[in-house]
Amino acid sequence: MQPIKSILVIRLSSIGDIILTTPLLRRLQAIFPDARIDYCTKQPFVALLASNPCLSSIYTTEQPPKEDYDLVVDLQNNIRSHAITRSLRGSRTVRYRKENWKKWLMVQFKINLYGSCRSVVSRYQDALKPFALPSDPEGCELYTSLDDKAFAQPFFQGKQKTLALCFGAKHFTKRYPPQRFAAIISLLLKEMPLQILLLGGNDEAPQASEIMNCLPYADRKTIVNMAGICSLMQTAALLERSDAVLCNDTGLMHMASAFGKKLFVLFGSSSAAFGFLPYHTPYDLFEVEGLACRPCSHIGRDSCPKGHFRCMNDLSPALIARKIVDYCK
């Protein structure tokens, strides 16, 4: 086998999936310390990787790499990533096996062939079995800039603890209802002084407003609504400084995990079997066990196919609040 001096890693989207590739980058650097490691992703996600010390260059689908590599690690494994690898003649390519047929059996017939809840990080690493990549106990990695840290710093002047609340998700069936998030907030504030940051993107700002509107006026003054205000890495810097994080199964969950935060995770239509639990960071998972219709999708749906949305509606705000209080006190 020829020496590996140049490596390209491809993962085009999305936030959580890309963050979950960072342990692999660290392990690739450990076994190939003299190799140049480059990355190709979509432009909106470049910021997640821009300060990663393992990487030399970051390419995008708009400006893809042109040179050949000794090794290409395709962790996307779709039509677009195949087109990129075909353009790199002479490169040896290994690919992540998505095993979509297992997802289909799990969703359609509730047949779980995954076995234990094995992280997608380990499944990514399976693509590199011929190279005997070492495992390590470390988690995901994310590096905020000095400017991002400076943006976050004014929000942490007081002595009270801060809970980051990541209430959004792309698909409805992964979102805990706003009124129930509001119920958790009210229960928490009855128990202890707490600053709560609402974090999300532009598309999620309306949900933040719903949460605020469901709260009594007295509770609203302890809430800092940052939804739609922060850049991606400014959001990361706020998570980096927070004491704990309450979140749906979404990209910000994995962002927080990269800072080793204690996570309180709400799974609705999600299933741990798909491999997207927080990686190597402490967490409490809240899910409705034994629900025959769950999971109804491996990525989420725009509505509950049964109409009752029990996978989220049956999660108790009181239980979730109690767990957070016990941790934060």
C-alpha atoms as a PDB file:
ATOM      1  CA  MET A   1       0.000   0.000   0.000  1.00  0.00           C
ATOM      2  CA  GLN A   2       1.371   3.412  -0.951  1.00  0.00           C
ATOM      3  CA  PRO A   3       1.969   5.915   1.873  1.00  0.00           C
ATOM      4  CA  ILE A   4      -1.021   8.094   2.777  1.00  0.00           C
ATOM      5  CA  LYS A   5       0.109  11.700   2.438  1.00  0.00           C
ATOM      6  CA  SER A   6      -3.168  13.401   1.479  1.00  0.00           C
ATOM      7  CA  ILE A   7      -6.725  12.685   2.662  1.00  0.00           C
ATOM      8  CA  LEU A   8     -10.059  14.194   1.695  1.00  0.00           C
ATOM      9  CA  VAL A   9     -13.096  13.734   3.952  1.00  0.00           C
ATOM     10  CA  ILE A  10     -16.535  14.397   2.440  1.00  0.00           C
ATOM     11  CA  ARG A  11     -19.645  15.129   4.498  1.00  0.00           C
ATOM     12  CA  LEU A  12     -21.918  17.657   2.840  1.00  0.00           C
ATOM     13  CA  SER A  13     -24.592  18.131   5.524  1.00  0.00           C
ATOM     14  CA  SER A  14     -25.946  18.748   8.122  1.00  0.00           C
ATOM     15  CA  ILE A  15     -24.884  20.322  11.441  1.00  0.00           C
ATOM     16  CA  GLY A  16     -25.053  17.216  13.619  1.00  0.00           C
ATOM     17  CA  ASP A  17     -23.736  14.830  10.975  1.00  0.00           C
ATOM     18  CA  ILE A  18     -20.704  17.027  10.355  1.00  0.00           C
ATOM     19  CA  ILE A  19     -19.911  17.470  14.050  1.00  0.00           C
ATOM     20  CA  LEU A  20     -20.098  13.690  14.430  1.00  0.00           C
ATOM     21  CA  THR A  21     -17.266  13.351  11.880  1.00  0.00           C
ATOM     22  CA  THR A  22     -14.820  15.257  14.097  1.00  0.00           C
ATOM     23  CA  PRO A  23     -13.704  12.229  16.175  1.00  0.00           C
ATOM     24  CA  LEU A  24     -12.794  10.551  12.893  1.00  0.00           C
ATOM     25  CA  LEU A  25     -10.692  13.569  11.869  1.00  0.00           C
ATOM     26  CA  ARG A  26      -8.805  13.381  15.153  1.00  0.00           C
ATOM     27  CA  ARG A  27      -8.207   9.653  14.744  1.00  0.00           C
ATOM     28  CA  LEU A  28      -7.105  10.031  11.125  1.00  0.00           C
ATOM     29  CA  GLN A  29      -4.546  12.597  12.232  1.00  0.00           C
ATOM     30  CA  ALA A  30      -3.338  10.246  14.964  1.00  0.00           C
ATOM     31  CA  ILE A  31      -2.628   7.384  12.559  1.00  0.00           C
ATOM     32  CA  PHE A  32      -1.429   9.582   9.660  1.00  0.00           C
ATOM     33  CA  PRO A  33       0.371  12.436  11.486  1.00  0.00           C
ATOM     34  CA  ASP A  34       2.238  13.573   8.369  1.00  0.00           C
ATOM     35  CA  ALA A  35      -0.763  13.558   6.031  1.00  0.00           C
ATOM     36  CA  ARG A  36      -2.645  16.629   4.867  1.00  0.00           C
ATOM     37  CA  ILE A  37      -6.342  16.298   5.695  1.00  0.00           C
ATOM     38  CA  ASP A  38      -8.871  18.339   3.701  1.00  0.00           C
ATOM     39  CA  TYR A  39     -12.666  18.440   3.959  1.00  0.00           C
ATOM     40  CA  CYS A  40     -15.506  19.051   1.515  1.00  0.00           C
ATOM     41  CA  THR A  41     -18.928  20.209   2.705  1.00  0.00           C
ATOM     42  CA  LYS A  42     -21.686  22.658   1.774  1.00  0.00           C
ATOM     43  CA  GLN A  43     -20.982  26.361   2.211  1.00  0.00           C
ATOM     44  CA  PRO A  44     -23.386  26.972   5.161  1.00  0.00           C
ATOM     45  CA  PHE A  45     -21.454  24.461   7.282  1.00  0.00           C
ATOM     46  CA  VAL A  46     -17.894  25.620   6.635  1.00  0.00           C
ATOM     47  CA  ALA A  47     -17.885  27.582   9.906  1.00  0.00           C
ATOM     48  CA  LEU A  48     -18.226  24.329  11.878  1.00  0.00           C
ATOM     49  CA  LEU A  49     -14.831  23.205  10.571  1.00  0.00           C
ATOM     50  CA  ALA A  50     -12.977  26.454   9.928  1.00  0.00           C
ATOM     51  CA  SER A  51     -10.879  26.340  13.124  1.00  0.00           C
ATOM     52  CA  ASN A  52     -10.446  22.573  13.359  1.00  0.00           C
ATOM     53  CA  PRO A  53      -6.696  21.965  13.851  1.00  0.00           C
ATOM     54  CA  CYS A  54      -6.836  18.641  12.021  1.00  0.00           C
ATOM     55  CA  LEU A  55      -7.732  20.276   8.700  1.00  0.00           C
ATOM     56  CA  SER A  56      -5.554  22.008   6.135  1.00  0.00           C
ATOM     57  CA  SER A  57      -8.189  23.165   3.626  1.00  0.00           C
ATOM     58  CA  ILE A  58     -11.988  23.194   3.403  1.00  0.00           C
ATOM     59  CA  TYR A  59     -13.738  22.905   0.045  1.00  0.00           C
ATOM     60  CA  THR A  60     -17.396  23.300  -0.853  1.00  0.00           C
ATOM     61  CA  THR A  61     -19.735  21.867  -3.444  1.00  0.00           C
ATOM     62  CA  GLU A  62     -19.503  25.217  -5.235  1.00  0.00           C
ATOM     63  CA  GLN A  63     -15.685  25.122  -5.167  1.00  0.00           C
ATOM     64  CA  PRO A  64     -14.814  21.418  -4.962  1.00  0.00           C
ATOM     65  CA  PRO A  65     -11.286  20.033  -4.672  1.00  0.00           C
ATOM     66  CA  LYS A  66      -9.440  19.519  -7.944  1.00  0.00           C
ATOM     67  CA  GLU A  67      -6.289  17.616  -7.021  1.00  0.00           C
ATOM     68  CA  ASP A  68      -6.025  13.905  -6.416  1.00  0.00           C
ATOM     69  CA  TYR A  69      -5.718  12.373  -2.957  1.00  0.00           C
ATOM     70  CA  ASP A  70      -4.138   9.213  -1.654  1.00  0.00           C
ATOM     71  CA  LEU A  71      -7.348   8.532   0.264  1.00  0.00           C
ATOM     72  CA  VAL A  72     -10.905   9.881  -0.020  1.00  0.00           C
ATOM     73  CA  VAL A  73     -13.285   9.155   2.864  1.00  0.00           C
ATOM     74  CA  ASP A  74     -16.842   9.617   1.605  1.00  0.00           C
ATOM     75  CA  LEU A  75     -19.084   9.890   4.671  1.00  0.00           C
ATOM     76  CA  GLN A  76     -22.014  11.255   2.655  1.00  0.00           C
ATOM     77  CA  ASN A  77     -22.322   8.443   0.113  1.00  0.00           C
ATOM     78  CA  ASN A  78     -24.892   9.988  -2.210  1.00  0.00           C
ATOM     79  CA  ILE A  79     -25.089  11.095  -5.832  1.00  0.00           C
ATOM     80  CA  ARG A  80     -23.374  14.413  -5.178  1.00  0.00           C
ATOM     81  CA  SER A  81     -20.476  12.971  -3.186  1.00  0.00           C
ATOM     82  CA  HIS A  82     -20.021  10.264  -5.821  1.00  0.00           C
ATOM     83  CA  ALA A  83     -19.674  12.981  -8.464  1.00  0.00           C
ATOM     84  CA  ILE A  84     -16.921  14.611  -6.398  1.00  0.00           C
ATOM     85  CA  THR A  85     -15.025  11.358  -5.942  1.00  0.00           C
ATOM     86  CA  ARG A  86     -15.263  10.538  -9.658  1.00  0.00           C
ATOM     87  CA  SER A  87     -13.586  13.842 -10.461  1.00  0.00           C
ATOM     88  CA  LEU A  88     -10.562  12.862  -8.353  1.00  0.00           C
ATOM     89  CA  ARG A  89      -8.945  10.313 -10.602  1.00  0.00           C
ATOM     90  CA  GLY A  90      -6.535   7.869  -9.086  1.00  0.00           C
ATOM     91  CA  SER A  91      -7.711   8.405  -5.533  1.00  0.00           C
ATOM     92  CA  ARG A  92      -8.545   5.436  -3.326  1.00  0.00           C
ATOM     93  CA  THR A  93     -12.070   5.895  -1.955  1.00  0.00           C
ATOM     94  CA  VAL A  94     -13.764   4.332   1.064  1.00  0.00           C
ATOM     95  CA  ARG A  95     -17.423   4.989   1.888  1.00  0.00           C
ATOM     96  CA  TYR A  96     -19.708   5.041   4.888  1.00  0.00           C
ATOM     97  CA  ARG A  97     -22.396   2.385   4.544  1.00  0.00           C
ATOM     98  CA  LYS A  98     -25.700   3.989   5.490  1.00  0.00           C
ATOM     99  CA  GLU A  99     -27.609   0.686   5.664  1.00  0.00           C
ATOM    100  CA  ASN A 100     -30.840   2.401   4.720  1.00  0.00           C
ATOM    101  CA  TRP A 101     -32.565  -0.974   4.523  1.00  0.00           C
ATOM    102  CA  LYS A 102     -32.176  -1.308   8.298  1.00  0.00           C
ATOM    103  CA  LYS A 103     -33.780   2.105   8.757  1.00  0.00           C
ATOM    104  CA  TRP A 104     -36.642   1.038   6.484  1.00  0.00           C
ATOM    105  CA  LEU A 105     -37.284  -2.147   8.470  1.00  0.00           C
ATOM    106  CA  MET A 106     -37.166  -0.195  11.716  1.00  0.00           C
ATOM    107  CA  VAL A 107     -39.648   2.420  10.521  1.00  0.00           C
ATOM    108  CA  GLN A 108     -42.021   0.176   8.584  1.00  0.00           C
ATOM    109  CA  PHE A 109     -42.064  -2.973  10.736  1.00  0.00           C
ATOM    110  CA  LYS A 110     -40.290  -1.944  13.987  1.00  0.00           C
ATOM    111  CA  ILE A 111     -37.684  -4.636  13.342  1.00  0.00           C
ATOM    112  CA  ASN A 112     -34.437  -3.538  14.987  1.00  0.00           C
ATOM    113  CA  LEU A 113     -31.394  -5.087  13.319  1.00  0.00           C
ATOM    114  CA  TYR A 114     -29.003  -2.494  14.743  1.00  0.00           C
ATOM    115  CA  GLY A 115     -28.507  -4.367  18.000  1.00  0.00           C
ATOM    116  CA  SER A 116     -27.075  -2.029  20.615  1.00  0.00           C
ATOM    117  CA  CYS A 117     -27.395   1.739  20.175  1.00  0.00           C
ATOM    118  CA  ARG A 118     -24.099   2.007  18.331  1.00  0.00           C
ATOM    119  CA  SER A 119     -23.088   5.569  17.536  1.00  0.00           C
ATOM    120  CA  VAL A 120     -22.858   6.753  13.967  1.00  0.00           C
ATOM    121  CA  VAL A 121     -19.301   7.801  14.894  1.00  0.00           C
ATOM    122  CA  SER A 122     -18.401   4.123  15.122  1.00  0.00           C
ATOM    123  CA  ARG A 123     -20.261   3.441  11.881  1.00  0.00           C
ATOM    124  CA  TYR A 124     -18.276   6.173  10.159  1.00  0.00           C
ATOM    125  CA  GLN A 125     -15.118   4.525  11.433  1.00  0.00           C
ATOM    126  CA  ASP A 126     -16.162   1.182   9.936  1.00  0.00           C
ATOM    127  CA  ALA A 127     -15.416   2.690   6.526  1.00  0.00           C
ATOM    128  CA  LEU A 128     -11.760   2.783   7.544  1.00  0.00           C
ATOM    129  CA  LYS A 129     -11.403  -0.757   8.903  1.00  0.00           C
ATOM    130  CA  PRO A 130      -8.529  -1.552   6.495  1.00  0.00           C
ATOM    131  CA  PHE A 131      -6.494   1.180   8.205  1.00  0.00           C
ATOM    132  CA  ALA A 132      -7.149   0.043  11.804  1.00  0.00           C
ATOM    133  CA  LEU A 133      -7.994   3.512  13.051  1.00  0.00           C
ATOM    134  CA  PRO A 134      -7.569   3.765  16.831  1.00  0.00           C
ATOM    135  CA  SER A 135     -10.558   4.578  19.004  1.00  0.00           C
ATOM    136  CA  ASP A 136     -10.291   7.028  21.893  1.00  0.00           C
ATOM    137  CA  PRO A 137     -12.517   8.150  24.780  1.00  0.00           C
ATOM    138  CA  GLU A 138     -12.791  11.725  23.570  1.00  0.00           C
ATOM    139  CA  GLY A 139     -15.968  13.227  22.155  1.00  0.00           C
ATOM    140  CA  CYS A 140     -16.782  15.534  19.257  1.00  0.00           C
ATOM    141  CA  GLU A 141     -14.868  18.754  18.718  1.00  0.00           C
ATOM    142  CA  LEU A 142     -15.874  22.307  17.859  1.00  0.00           C
ATOM    143  CA  TYR A 143     -13.687  25.396  18.031  1.00  0.00           C
ATOM    144  CA  THR A 144     -15.134  28.867  18.577  1.00  0.00           C
ATOM    145  CA  SER A 145     -13.189  31.975  17.571  1.00  0.00           C
ATOM    146  CA  LEU A 146     -12.143  34.783  19.912  1.00  0.00           C
ATOM    147  CA  ASP A 147     -14.816  36.968  18.310  1.00  0.00           C
ATOM    148  CA  ASP A 148     -17.493  34.357  18.984  1.00  0.00           C
ATOM    149  CA  LYS A 149     -16.344  33.997  22.593  1.00  0.00           C
ATOM    150  CA  ALA A 150     -16.440  37.774  22.983  1.00  0.00           C
ATOM    151  CA  PHE A 151     -20.009  37.820  21.641  1.00  0.00           C
ATOM    152  CA  ALA A 152     -21.109  35.273  24.262  1.00  0.00           C
ATOM    153  CA  GLN A 153     -19.264  36.741  27.233  1.00  0.00           C
ATOM    154  CA  PRO A 154     -21.760  39.526  28.192  1.00  0.00           C
ATOM    155  CA  PHE A 155     -24.540  36.973  28.683  1.00  0.00           C
ATOM    156  CA  PHE A 156     -22.679  35.315  31.556  1.00  0.00           C
ATOM    157  CA  GLN A 157     -22.022  38.173  33.966  1.00  0.00           C
ATOM    158  CA  GLY A 158     -24.313  37.063  36.784  1.00  0.00           C
ATOM    159  CA  LYS A 159     -23.880  34.298  39.325  1.00  0.00           C
ATOM    160  CA  GLN A 160     -26.990  32.355  38.362  1.00  0.00           C
ATOM    161  CA  LYS A 161     -26.623  29.227  36.274  1.00  0.00           C
ATOM    162  CA  THR A 162     -27.588  29.208  32.604  1.00  0.00           C
ATOM    163  CA  LEU A 163     -29.707  26.624  30.824  1.00  0.00           C
ATOM    164  CA  ALA A 164     -29.587  26.693  27.032  1.00  0.00           C
ATOM    165  CA  LEU A 165     -32.872  25.607  25.500  1.00  0.00           C
ATOM    166  CA  CYS A 166     -32.582  24.320  21.917  1.00  0.00           C
ATOM    167  CA  PHE A 167     -36.260  24.003  21.080  1.00  0.00           C
ATOM    168  CA  GLY A 168     -36.162  23.623  17.310  1.00  0.00           C
ATOM    169  CA  ALA A 169     -35.748  20.848  14.779  1.00  0.00           C
ATOM    170  CA  LYS A 170     -36.261  20.724  11.044  1.00  0.00           C
ATOM    171  CA  HIS A 171     -39.209  18.326  11.257  1.00  0.00           C
ATOM    172  CA  PHE A 172     -42.316  18.727  13.408  1.00  0.00           C
ATOM    173  CA  THR A 173     -42.207  15.248  14.966  1.00  0.00           C
ATOM    174  CA  LYS A 174     -38.809  16.007  16.499  1.00  0.00           C
ATOM    175  CA  ARG A 175     -40.090  19.158  18.239  1.00  0.00           C
ATOM    176  CA  TYR A 176     -41.386  19.198  21.794  1.00  0.00           C
ATOM    177  CA  PRO A 177     -44.446  21.522  21.784  1.00  0.00           C
ATOM    178  CA  PRO A 178     -43.747  25.178  22.732  1.00  0.00           C
ATOM    179  CA  GLN A 179     -46.385  25.225  25.456  1.00  0.00           C
ATOM    180  CA  ARG A 180     -44.711  22.254  27.123  1.00  0.00           C
ATOM    181  CA  PHE A 181     -41.314  23.919  26.969  1.00  0.00           C
ATOM    182  CA  ALA A 182     -42.961  26.911  28.639  1.00  0.00           C
ATOM    183  CA  ALA A 183     -44.344  24.606  31.351  1.00  0.00           C
ATOM    184  CA  ILE A 184     -40.836  23.289  32.029  1.00  0.00           C
ATOM    185  CA  ILE A 185     -39.457  26.819  32.252  1.00  0.00           C
ATOM    186  CA  SER A 186     -42.118  27.884  34.783  1.00  0.00           C
ATOM    187  CA  LEU A 187     -41.471  24.804  36.913  1.00  0.00           C
ATOM    188  CA  LEU A 188     -37.725  25.462  36.870  1.00  0.00           C
ATOM    189  CA  LEU A 189     -38.083  29.103  37.866  1.00  0.00           C
ATOM    190  CA  LYS A 190     -40.261  28.178  40.829  1.00  0.00           C
ATOM    191  CA  GLU A 191     -37.412  26.033  42.129  1.00  0.00           C
ATOM    192  CA  MET A 192     -34.304  28.126  41.508  1.00  0.00           C
ATOM    193  CA  PRO A 193     -32.894  31.291  39.935  1.00  0.00           C
ATOM    194  CA  LEU A 194     -31.875  30.420  36.417  1.00  0.00           C
ATOM    195  CA  GLN A 195     -31.019  32.256  33.206  1.00  0.00           C
ATOM    196  CA  ILE A 196     -32.510  30.546  30.167  1.00  0.00           C
ATOM    197  CA  LEU A 197     -31.238  31.116  26.632  1.00  0.00           C
ATOM    198  CA  LEU A 198     -33.538  30.286  23.729  1.00  0.00           C
ATOM    199  CA  LEU A 199     -31.297  29.203  20.854  1.00  0.00           C
ATOM    200  CA  GLY A 200     -32.262  28.532  17.251  1.00  0.00           C
ATOM    201  CA  GLY A 201     -32.018  29.801  13.699  1.00  0.00           C
ATOM    202  CA  ASN A 202     -34.135  32.221  11.696  1.00  0.00           C
ATOM    203  CA  ASP A 203     -36.677  29.539  10.795  1.00  0.00           C
ATOM    204  CA  GLU A 204     -37.164  28.730  14.474  1.00  0.00           C
ATOM    205  CA  ALA A 205     -37.761  32.277  15.718  1.00  0.00           C
ATOM    206  CA  PRO A 206     -41.589  31.869  15.522  1.00  0.00           C
ATOM    207  CA  GLN A 207     -41.366  28.872  17.870  1.00  0.00           C
ATOM    208  CA  ALA A 208     -39.341  30.955  20.328  1.00  0.00           C
ATOM    209  CA  SER A 209     -42.093  33.580  20.252  1.00  0.00           C
ATOM    210  CA  GLU A 210     -44.669  30.865  20.981  1.00  0.00           C
ATOM    211  CA  ILE A 211     -42.691  29.769  24.034  1.00  0.00           C
ATOM    212  CA  MET A 212     -42.437  33.360  25.278  1.00  0.00           C
ATOM    213  CA  ASN A 213     -46.156  33.970  24.729  1.00  0.00           C
ATOM    214  CA  CYS A 214     -47.021  30.892  26.798  1.00  0.00           C
ATOM    215  CA  LEU A 215     -45.059  32.188  29.801  1.00  0.00           C
ATOM    216  CA  PRO A 216     -46.411  34.465  32.531  1.00  0.00           C
ATOM    217  CA  TYR A 217     -44.921  37.950  32.358  1.00  0.00           C
ATOM    218  CA  ALA A 218     -42.890  37.455  35.538  1.00  0.00           C
ATOM    219  CA  ASP A 219     -41.038  34.503  34.009  1.00  0.00           C
ATOM    220  CA  ARG A 220     -40.206  36.227  30.731  1.00  0.00           C
ATOM    221  CA  LYS A 221     -37.644  38.588  32.265  1.00  0.00           C
ATOM    222  CA  THR A 222     -35.276  35.679  32.996  1.00  0.00           C
ATOM    223  CA  ILE A 223     -35.432  34.473  29.382  1.00  0.00           C
ATOM    224  CA  VAL A 224     -32.949  35.664  26.767  1.00  0.00           C
ATOM    225  CA  ASN A 225     -34.393  34.974  23.343  1.00  0.00           C
ATOM    226  CA  MET A 226     -31.485  34.641  20.889  1.00  0.00           C
ATOM    227  CA  ALA A 227     -33.380  32.731  18.202  1.00  0.00           C
ATOM    228  CA  GLY A 228     -32.660  34.140  14.762  1.00  0.00           C
ATOM    229  CA  ILE A 229     -30.130  36.623  16.158  1.00  0.00           C
ATOM    230  CA  CYS A 230     -26.913  34.597  16.377  1.00  0.00           C
ATOM    231  CA  SER A 231     -24.673  33.162  13.718  1.00  0.00           C
ATOM    232  CA  LEU A 232     -24.042  29.430  13.876  1.00  0.00           C
ATOM    233  CA  MET A 233     -20.757  29.818  15.733  1.00  0.00           C
ATOM    234  CA  GLN A 234     -22.099  32.544  18.030  1.00  0.00           C
ATOM    235  CA  THR A 235     -24.733  30.005  19.033  1.00  0.00           C
ATOM    236  CA  ALA A 236     -21.904  27.535  19.629  1.00  0.00           C
ATOM    237  CA  ALA A 237     -20.146  30.049  21.884  1.00  0.00           C
ATOM    238  CA  LEU A 238     -23.310  30.482  23.966  1.00  0.00           C
ATOM    239  CA  LEU A 239     -23.601  26.718  24.320  1.00  0.00           C
ATOM    240  CA  GLU A 240     -19.942  26.546  25.287  1.00  0.00           C
ATOM    241  CA  ARG A 241     -20.576  28.827  28.285  1.00  0.00           C
ATOM    242  CA  SER A 242     -23.918  27.335  29.397  1.00  0.00           C
ATOM    243  CA  ASP A 243     -24.164  25.041  32.412  1.00  0.00           C
ATOM    244  CA  ALA A 244     -26.605  22.569  30.844  1.00  0.00           C
ATOM    245  CA  VAL A 245     -28.681  22.134  27.705  1.00  0.00           C
ATOM    246  CA  LEU A 246     -32.293  21.053  27.168  1.00  0.00           C
ATOM    247  CA  CYS A 247     -32.790  20.035  23.560  1.00  0.00           C
ATOM    248  CA  ASN A 248     -34.649  18.090  20.952  1.00  0.00           C
ATOM    249  CA  ASP A 249     -32.845  15.590  18.714  1.00  0.00           C
ATOM    250  CA  THR A 250     -31.218  18.209  16.510  1.00  0.00           C
ATOM    251  CA  GLY A 251     -27.904  19.607  15.319  1.00  0.00           C
ATOM    252  CA  LEU A 252     -27.536  21.910  18.327  1.00  0.00           C
ATOM    253  CA  MET A 253     -27.619  18.832  20.554  1.00  0.00           C
ATOM    254  CA  HIS A 254     -24.443  17.583  18.873  1.00  0.00           C
ATOM    255  CA  MET A 255     -22.979  21.085  18.954  1.00  0.00           C
ATOM    256  CA  ALA A 256     -23.425  21.168  22.732  1.00  0.00           C
ATOM    257  CA  SER A 257     -22.004  17.656  23.045  1.00  0.00           C
ATOM    258  CA  ALA A 258     -18.760  18.920  21.466  1.00  0.00           C
ATOM    259  CA  PHE A 259     -18.274  21.049  24.596  1.00  0.00           C
ATOM    260  CA  GLY A 260     -18.987  18.160  26.969  1.00  0.00           C
ATOM    261  CA  LYS A 261     -22.189  19.730  28.267  1.00  0.00           C
ATOM    262  CA  LYS A 262     -24.751  17.906  30.356  1.00  0.00           C
ATOM    263  CA  LEU A 263     -27.673  17.323  28.002  1.00  0.00           C
ATOM    264  CA  PHE A 264     -31.358  16.720  28.678  1.00  0.00           C
ATOM    265  CA  VAL A 265     -32.521  15.205  25.403  1.00  0.00           C
ATOM    266  CA  LEU A 266     -36.113  14.807  24.154  1.00  0.00           C
ATOM    267  CA  PHE A 267     -36.704  12.100  21.552  1.00  0.00           C
ATOM    268  CA  GLY A 268     -40.082  12.054  19.821  1.00  0.00           C
ATOM    269  CA  SER A 269     -40.211  10.183  16.531  1.00  0.00           C
ATOM    270  CA  SER A 270     -36.468   9.532  16.849  1.00  0.00           C
ATOM    271  CA  SER A 271     -34.968   6.246  17.952  1.00  0.00           C
ATOM    272  CA  ALA A 272     -31.648   5.714  19.685  1.00  0.00           C
ATOM    273  CA  ALA A 273     -31.118   2.716  17.408  1.00  0.00           C
ATOM    274  CA  PHE A 274     -30.311   5.040  14.503  1.00  0.00           C
ATOM    275  CA  GLY A 275     -27.074   6.008  16.267  1.00  0.00           C
ATOM    276  CA  PHE A 276     -27.524   9.726  16.901  1.00  0.00           C
ATOM    277  CA  LEU A 277     -27.434   9.928  20.677  1.00  0.00           C
ATOM    278  CA  PRO A 278     -24.979  12.469  22.151  1.00  0.00           C
ATOM    279  CA  TYR A 279     -21.451  11.144  21.755  1.00  0.00           C
ATOM    280  CA  HIS A 280     -19.212  10.747  24.813  1.00  0.00           C
ATOM    281  CA  THR A 281     -20.919  13.404  26.921  1.00  0.00           C
ATOM    282  CA  PRO A 282     -23.319  12.985  29.883  1.00  0.00           C
ATOM    283  CA  TYR A 283     -27.019  13.071  29.059  1.00  0.00           C
ATOM    284  CA  ASP A 284     -30.485  12.123  30.270  1.00  0.00           C
ATOM    285  CA  LEU A 285     -32.770  10.797  27.550  1.00  0.00           C
ATOM    286  CA  PHE A 286     -36.541  11.322  27.721  1.00  0.00           C
ATOM    287  CA  GLU A 287     -38.641   9.168  25.399  1.00  0.00           C
ATOM    288  CA  VAL A 288     -41.985   7.357  25.432  1.00  0.00           C
ATOM    289  CA  GLU A 289     -41.070   3.694  25.528  1.00  0.00           C
ATOM    290  CA  GLY A 290     -43.317   0.983  24.160  1.00  0.00           C
ATOM    291  CA  LEU A 291     -45.180   3.241  21.730  1.00  0.00           C
ATOM    292  CA  ALA A 292     -46.119   0.972  18.818  1.00  0.00           C
ATOM    293  CA  CYS A 293     -45.970   3.701  16.166  1.00  0.00           C
ATOM    294  CA  ARG A 294     -42.465   4.846  17.089  1.00  0.00           C
ATOM    295  CA  PRO A 295     -40.237   5.455  15.176  1.00  0.00           C
ATOM    296  CA  CYS A 296     -42.387   6.683  12.308  1.00  0.00           C
ATOM    297  CA  SER A 297     -39.402   8.051  10.367  1.00  0.00           C
ATOM    298  CA  HIS A 298     -35.624   8.059  10.626  1.00  0.00           C
ATOM    299  CA  ILE A 299     -35.406  11.809   9.962  1.00  0.00           C
ATOM    300  CA  GLY A 300     -38.756  13.121  11.225  1.00  0.00           C
ATOM    301  CA  ARG A 301     -42.105  14.084   9.665  1.00  0.00           C
ATOM    302  CA  ASP A 302     -44.038  17.294   9.124  1.00  0.00           C
ATOM    303  CA  SER A 303     -46.985  15.941  11.124  1.00  0.00           C
ATOM    304  CA  CYS A 304     -47.872  12.985  13.322  1.00  0.00           C
ATOM    305  CA  PRO A 305     -49.241  10.234  11.037  1.00  0.00           C
ATOM    306  CA  LYS A 306     -51.512   9.006  13.866  1.00  0.00           C
ATOM    307  CA  GLY A 307     -52.721  12.462  14.866  1.00  0.00           C
ATOM    308  CA  HIS A 308     -52.079  12.061  18.599  1.00  0.00           C
ATOM    309  CA  PHE A 309     -48.354  12.972  18.736  1.00  0.00           C
ATOM    310  CA  ARG A 310     -47.998  10.913  21.887  1.00  0.00           C
ATOM    311  CA  CYS A 311     -44.244  10.470  21.382  1.00  0.00           C
ATOM    312  CA  MET A 312     -43.854  14.093  22.486  1.00  0.00           C
ATOM    313  CA  ASN A 313     -47.134  14.914  24.240  1.00  0.00           C
ATOM    314  CA  ASP A 314     -46.649  12.076  26.750  1.00  0.00           C
ATOM    315  CA  LEU A 315     -43.261  13.394  27.919  1.00  0.00           C
ATOM    316  CA  SER A 316     -43.837  14.903  31.365  1.00  0.00           C
ATOM    317  CA  PRO A 317     -42.718  18.531  31.873  1.00  0.00           C
ATOM    318  CA  ALA A 318     -42.606  17.888  35.631  1.00  0.00           C
ATOM    319  CA  LEU A 319     -40.226  14.928  35.271  1.00  0.00           C
ATOM    320  CA  ILE A 320     -37.952  16.807  32.888  1.00  0.00           C
ATOM    321  CA  ALA A 321     -37.880  19.874  35.136  1.00  0.00           C
ATOM    322  CA  ARG A 322     -37.106  17.761  38.200  1.00  0.00           C
ATOM    323  CA  LYS A 323     -34.108  16.169  36.495  1.00  0.00           C
ATOM    324  CA  ILE A 324     -32.755  19.581  35.493  1.00  0.00           C
ATOM    325  CA  VAL A 325     -33.256  21.027  38.976  1.00  0.00           C
ATOM    326  CA  ASP A 326     -31.500  18.032  40.579  1.00  0.00           C
ATOM    327  CA  TYR A 327     -28.534  18.583  38.278  1.00  0.00           C
ATOM    328  CA  CYS A 328     -28.304  22.370  38.575  1.00  0.00           C
ATOM    329  CA  LYS A 329     -28.751  22.711  42.349  1.00  0.00           C
END
